[in-house]
Amino acid sequence: MKDAQVVQEGAAEEVFDAPRHPYTKALLAAVVTIGTDAAPPGGAAGDGRAGPYASR
């Protein structure tokens, strides 16, 4: 859901493994994984950038 509209639907595995909508991709990219040094999308780990929807 984004702005009260369904942007993507399907089986959980399908949505998680192959997100199609940019908002779904952004939501999945924002998931925190504890115990990794993975860099967030759009920036290096710890550089303070929050990804494509930070200003919204």
PDB file of N, CA and C in Angstrom:
ATOM      1  N   MET A   1       0.845  -1.182   0.000  1.00  0.00           N
ATOM      2  CA  MET A   1       0.000   0.000   0.000  1.00  0.00           C
ATOM      3  C   MET A   1       0.887   1.241   0.000  1.00  0.00           C
ATOM      4  N   LYS A   2       0.535   2.163  -0.861  1.00  0.00           N
ATOM      5  CA  LYS A   2       1.175   3.470  -0.886  1.00  0.00           C
ATOM      6  C   LYS A   2       0.092   4.475  -1.222  1.00  0.00           C
ATOM      7  N   ASP A   3      -0.064   5.464  -0.382  1.00  0.00           N
ATOM      8  CA  ASP A   3      -1.095   6.478  -0.595  1.00  0.00           C
ATOM      9  C   ASP A   3      -2.469   5.843  -0.786  1.00  0.00           C
ATOM     10  N   ALA A   4      -2.782   4.841   0.036  1.00  0.00           N
ATOM     11  CA  ALA A   4      -4.064   4.126   0.039  1.00  0.00           C
ATOM     12  C   ALA A   4      -4.340   3.358  -1.255  1.00  0.00           C
ATOM     13  N   GLN A   5      -3.299   3.037  -1.989  1.00  0.00           N
ATOM     14  CA  GLN A   5      -3.433   2.257  -3.227  1.00  0.00           C
ATOM     15  C   GLN A   5      -2.559   1.011  -3.141  1.00  0.00           C
ATOM     16  N   VAL A   6      -3.074  -0.115  -3.620  1.00  0.00           N
ATOM     17  CA  VAL A   6      -2.271  -1.335  -3.704  1.00  0.00           C
ATOM     18  C   VAL A   6      -1.303  -1.158  -4.867  1.00  0.00           C
ATOM     19  N   VAL A   7      -0.006  -1.265  -4.593  1.00  0.00           N
ATOM     20  CA  VAL A   7       0.981  -1.079  -5.654  1.00  0.00           C
ATOM     21  C   VAL A   7       1.535  -2.399  -6.175  1.00  0.00           C
ATOM     22  N   GLN A   8       1.450  -3.450  -5.349  1.00  0.00           N
ATOM     23  CA  GLN A   8       1.895  -4.767  -5.794  1.00  0.00           C
ATOM     24  C   GLN A   8       1.227  -5.812  -4.932  1.00  0.00           C
ATOM     25  N   GLU A   9       0.820  -6.898  -5.545  1.00  0.00           N
ATOM     26  CA  GLU A   9       0.260  -8.009  -4.788  1.00  0.00           C
ATOM     27  C   GLU A   9       0.730  -9.304  -5.408  1.00  0.00           C
ATOM     28  N   GLY A  10       0.711 -10.356  -4.616  1.00  0.00           N
ATOM     29  CA  GLY A  10       1.139 -11.661  -5.081  1.00  0.00           C
ATOM     30  C   GLY A  10       1.542 -12.509  -3.898  1.00  0.00           C
ATOM     31  N   ALA A  11       2.015 -13.692  -4.188  1.00  0.00           N
ATOM     32  CA  ALA A  11       2.505 -14.577  -3.135  1.00  0.00           C
ATOM     33  C   ALA A  11       3.692 -13.908  -2.448  1.00  0.00           C
ATOM     34  N   ALA A  12       3.816 -14.111  -1.139  1.00  0.00           N
ATOM     35  CA  ALA A  12       4.885 -13.475  -0.374  1.00  0.00           C
ATOM     36  C   ALA A  12       6.252 -13.758  -0.995  1.00  0.00           C
ATOM     37  N   GLU A  13       6.501 -14.992  -1.368  1.00  0.00           N
ATOM     38  CA  GLU A  13       7.791 -15.355  -1.961  1.00  0.00           C
ATOM     39  C   GLU A  13       8.044 -14.567  -3.245  1.00  0.00           C
ATOM     40  N   GLU A  14       7.021 -14.419  -4.063  1.00  0.00           N
ATOM     41  CA  GLU A  14       7.148 -13.675  -5.318  1.00  0.00           C
ATOM     42  C   GLU A  14       7.478 -12.202  -5.053  1.00  0.00           C
ATOM     43  N   VAL A  15       6.769 -11.605  -4.113  1.00  0.00           N
ATOM     44  CA  VAL A  15       6.976 -10.188  -3.817  1.00  0.00           C
ATOM     45  C   VAL A  15       8.365  -9.958  -3.220  1.00  0.00           C
ATOM     46  N   PHE A  16       8.783 -10.820  -2.299  1.00  0.00           N
ATOM     47  CA  PHE A  16      10.087 -10.655  -1.663  1.00  0.00           C
ATOM     48  C   PHE A  16      11.232 -10.971  -2.611  1.00  0.00           C
ATOM     49  N   ASP A  17      11.080 -11.986  -3.458  1.00  0.00           N
ATOM     50  CA  ASP A  17      12.165 -12.399  -4.350  1.00  0.00           C
ATOM     51  C   ASP A  17      12.265 -11.571  -5.616  1.00  0.00           C
ATOM     52  N   ALA A  18      11.162 -10.997  -6.072  1.00  0.00           N
ATOM     53  CA  ALA A  18      11.175 -10.239  -7.332  1.00  0.00           C
ATOM     54  C   ALA A  18      10.198  -9.064  -7.258  1.00  0.00           C
ATOM     55  N   PRO A  19      10.471  -8.081  -6.401  1.00  0.00           N
ATOM     56  CA  PRO A  19       9.573  -6.929  -6.323  1.00  0.00           C
ATOM     57  C   PRO A  19       9.563  -6.174  -7.643  1.00  0.00           C
ATOM     58  N   ARG A  20       8.379  -5.738  -8.088  1.00  0.00           N
ATOM     59  CA  ARG A  20       8.267  -5.060  -9.384  1.00  0.00           C
ATOM     60  C   ARG A  20       8.080  -3.562  -9.244  1.00  0.00           C
ATOM     61  N   HIS A  21       7.383  -3.135  -8.223  1.00  0.00           N
ATOM     62  CA  HIS A  21       7.085  -1.705  -8.082  1.00  0.00           C
ATOM     63  C   HIS A  21       8.222  -0.996  -7.334  1.00  0.00           C
ATOM     64  N   PRO A  22       8.584   0.217  -7.752  1.00  0.00           N
ATOM     65  CA  PRO A  22       9.668   0.944  -7.077  1.00  0.00           C
ATOM     66  C   PRO A  22       9.440   1.124  -5.568  1.00  0.00           C
ATOM     67  N   TYR A  23       8.200   1.329  -5.144  1.00  0.00           N
ATOM     68  CA  TYR A  23       7.934   1.495  -3.715  1.00  0.00           C
ATOM     69  C   TYR A  23       8.165   0.184  -2.965  1.00  0.00           C
ATOM     70  N   THR A  24       7.758  -0.935  -3.546  1.00  0.00           N
ATOM     71  CA  THR A  24       8.003  -2.239  -2.930  1.00  0.00           C
ATOM     72  C   THR A  24       9.501  -2.469  -2.809  1.00  0.00           C
ATOM     73  N   LYS A  25      10.236  -2.138  -3.850  1.00  0.00           N
ATOM     74  CA  LYS A  25      11.698  -2.285  -3.818  1.00  0.00           C
ATOM     75  C   LYS A  25      12.302  -1.425  -2.718  1.00  0.00           C
ATOM     76  N   ALA A  26      11.822  -0.195  -2.569  1.00  0.00           N
ATOM     77  CA  ALA A  26      12.344   0.703  -1.539  1.00  0.00           C
ATOM     78  C   ALA A  26      12.037   0.176  -0.141  1.00  0.00           C
ATOM     79  N   LEU A  27      10.832  -0.348   0.058  1.00  0.00           N
ATOM     80  CA  LEU A  27      10.475  -0.906   1.365  1.00  0.00           C
ATOM     81  C   LEU A  27      11.371  -2.086   1.720  1.00  0.00           C
ATOM     82  N   LEU A  28      11.593  -2.970   0.769  1.00  0.00           N
ATOM     83  CA  LEU A  28      12.429  -4.135   1.034  1.00  0.00           C
ATOM     84  C   LEU A  28      13.887  -3.735   1.244  1.00  0.00           C
ATOM     85  N   ALA A  29      14.334  -2.697   0.561  1.00  0.00           N
ATOM     86  CA  ALA A  29      15.711  -2.219   0.738  1.00  0.00           C
ATOM     87  C   ALA A  29      15.912  -1.594   2.115  1.00  0.00           C
ATOM     88  N   ALA A  30      14.832  -1.155   2.752  1.00  0.00           N
ATOM     89  CA  ALA A  30      14.922  -0.507   4.055  1.00  0.00           C
ATOM     90  C   ALA A  30      14.918  -1.491   5.217  1.00  0.00           C
ATOM     91  N   VAL A  31      14.765  -2.763   4.948  1.00  0.00           N
ATOM     92  CA  VAL A  31      14.741  -3.760   6.011  1.00  0.00           C
ATOM     93  C   VAL A  31      16.121  -3.822   6.666  1.00  0.00           C
ATOM     94  N   VAL A  32      16.128  -3.732   7.981  1.00  0.00           N
ATOM     95  CA  VAL A  32      17.375  -3.779   8.733  1.00  0.00           C
ATOM     96  C   VAL A  32      17.778  -5.227   8.952  1.00  0.00           C
ATOM     97  N   THR A  33      19.037  -5.525   8.670  1.00  0.00           N
ATOM     98  CA  THR A  33      19.580  -6.856   8.928  1.00  0.00           C
ATOM     99  C   THR A  33      20.650  -6.702   9.997  1.00  0.00           C
ATOM    100  N   ILE A  34      20.421  -7.262  11.145  1.00  0.00           N
ATOM    101  CA  ILE A  34      21.349  -7.137  12.262  1.00  0.00           C
ATOM    102  C   ILE A  34      22.535  -8.069  12.051  1.00  0.00           C
ATOM    103  N   GLY A  35      23.725  -7.536  12.325  1.00  0.00           N
ATOM    104  CA  GLY A  35      24.921  -8.359  12.255  1.00  0.00           C
ATOM    105  C   GLY A  35      25.589  -8.376  10.896  1.00  0.00           C
ATOM    106  N   THR A  36      25.249  -7.421  10.022  1.00  0.00           N
ATOM    107  CA  THR A  36      25.917  -7.357   8.725  1.00  0.00           C
ATOM    108  C   THR A  36      26.497  -5.966   8.521  1.00  0.00           C
ATOM    109  N   ASP A  37      27.417  -5.859   7.607  1.00  0.00           N
ATOM    110  CA  ASP A  37      28.000  -4.575   7.241  1.00  0.00           C
ATOM    111  C   ASP A  37      27.505  -4.154   5.871  1.00  0.00           C
ATOM    112  N   ALA A  38      26.363  -4.667   5.464  1.00  0.00           N
ATOM    113  CA  ALA A  38      25.833  -4.361   4.133  1.00  0.00           C
ATOM    114  C   ALA A  38      25.530  -2.872   4.004  1.00  0.00           C
ATOM    115  N   ALA A  39      25.860  -2.307   2.867  1.00  0.00           N
ATOM    116  CA  ALA A  39      25.582  -0.895   2.606  1.00  0.00           C
ATOM    117  C   ALA A  39      24.132  -0.732   2.186  1.00  0.00           C
ATOM    118  N   PRO A  40      23.476   0.328   2.642  1.00  0.00           N
ATOM    119  CA  PRO A  40      22.105   0.586   2.214  1.00  0.00           C
ATOM    120  C   PRO A  40      22.085   1.035   0.754  1.00  0.00           C
ATOM    121  N   PRO A  41      20.961   0.889   0.058  1.00  0.00           N
ATOM    122  CA  PRO A  41      20.895   1.353  -1.323  1.00  0.00           C
ATOM    123  C   PRO A  41      21.138   2.851  -1.391  1.00  0.00           C
ATOM    124  N   GLY A  42      21.901   3.282  -2.357  1.00  0.00           N
ATOM    125  CA  GLY A  42      22.145   4.701  -2.546  1.00  0.00           C
ATOM    126  C   GLY A  42      23.268   5.256  -1.703  1.00  0.00           C
ATOM    127  N   GLY A  43      23.947   4.437  -0.944  1.00  0.00           N
ATOM    128  CA  GLY A  43      25.038   4.967  -0.140  1.00  0.00           C
ATOM    129  C   GLY A  43      25.825   3.885   0.549  1.00  0.00           C
ATOM    130  N   ALA A  44      26.964   4.270   1.075  1.00  0.00           N
ATOM    131  CA  ALA A  44      27.812   3.343   1.806  1.00  0.00           C
ATOM    132  C   ALA A  44      27.319   3.224   3.242  1.00  0.00           C
ATOM    133  N   ALA A  45      27.587   2.115   3.859  1.00  0.00           N
ATOM    134  CA  ALA A  45      27.167   1.904   5.243  1.00  0.00           C
ATOM    135  C   ALA A  45      27.705   3.028   6.117  1.00  0.00           C
ATOM    136  N   GLY A  46      26.814   3.644   6.889  1.00  0.00           N
ATOM    137  CA  GLY A  46      27.221   4.671   7.820  1.00  0.00           C
ATOM    138  C   GLY A  46      27.430   6.056   7.240  1.00  0.00           C
ATOM    139  N   ASP A  47      27.078   6.276   5.982  1.00  0.00           N
ATOM    140  CA  ASP A  47      27.328   7.607   5.399  1.00  0.00           C
ATOM    141  C   ASP A  47      26.168   8.574   5.625  1.00  0.00           C
ATOM    142  N   GLY A  48      25.084   8.135   6.307  1.00  0.00           N
ATOM    143  CA  GLY A  48      23.994   9.014   6.655  1.00  0.00           C
ATOM    144  C   GLY A  48      22.920   9.167   5.587  1.00  0.00           C
ATOM    145  N   ARG A  49      23.099   8.543   4.425  1.00  0.00           N
ATOM    146  CA  ARG A  49      22.080   8.643   3.382  1.00  0.00           C
ATOM    147  C   ARG A  49      21.025   7.585   3.612  1.00  0.00           C
ATOM    148  N   ALA A  50      19.770   7.945   3.431  1.00  0.00           N
ATOM    149  CA  ALA A  50      18.662   7.046   3.769  1.00  0.00           C
ATOM    150  C   ALA A  50      17.964   6.441   2.574  1.00  0.00           C
ATOM    151  N   GLY A  51      18.486   6.557   1.392  1.00  0.00           N
ATOM    152  CA  GLY A  51      17.874   5.933   0.221  1.00  0.00           C
ATOM    153  C   GLY A  51      16.960   6.875  -0.543  1.00  0.00           C
ATOM    154  N   PRO A  52      16.242   6.338  -1.531  1.00  0.00           N
ATOM    155  CA  PRO A  52      15.503   7.174  -2.487  1.00  0.00           C
ATOM    156  C   PRO A  52      14.285   7.900  -1.933  1.00  0.00           C
ATOM    157  N   TYR A  53      13.731   7.476  -0.792  1.00  0.00           N
ATOM    158  CA  TYR A  53      12.526   8.109  -0.266  1.00  0.00           C
ATOM    159  C   TYR A  53      12.798   8.907   1.002  1.00  0.00           C
ATOM    160  N   ALA A  54      14.045   9.283   1.236  1.00  0.00           N
ATOM    161  CA  ALA A  54      14.418   9.959   2.470  1.00  0.00           C
ATOM    162  C   ALA A  54      13.744  11.306   2.632  1.00  0.00           C
ATOM    163  N   SER A  55      13.511  12.030   1.559  1.00  0.00           N
ATOM    164  CA  SER A  55      12.975  13.383   1.667  1.00  0.00           C
ATOM    165  C   SER A  55      11.461  13.414   1.751  1.00  0.00           C
ATOM    166  N   ARG A  56      10.801  12.271   1.677  1.00  0.00           N
ATOM    167  CA  ARG A  56       9.325  12.241   1.686  1.00  0.00           C
ATOM    168  C   ARG A  56       8.776  12.060   3.060  1.00  0.00           C
TER     169      ARG A  56
END
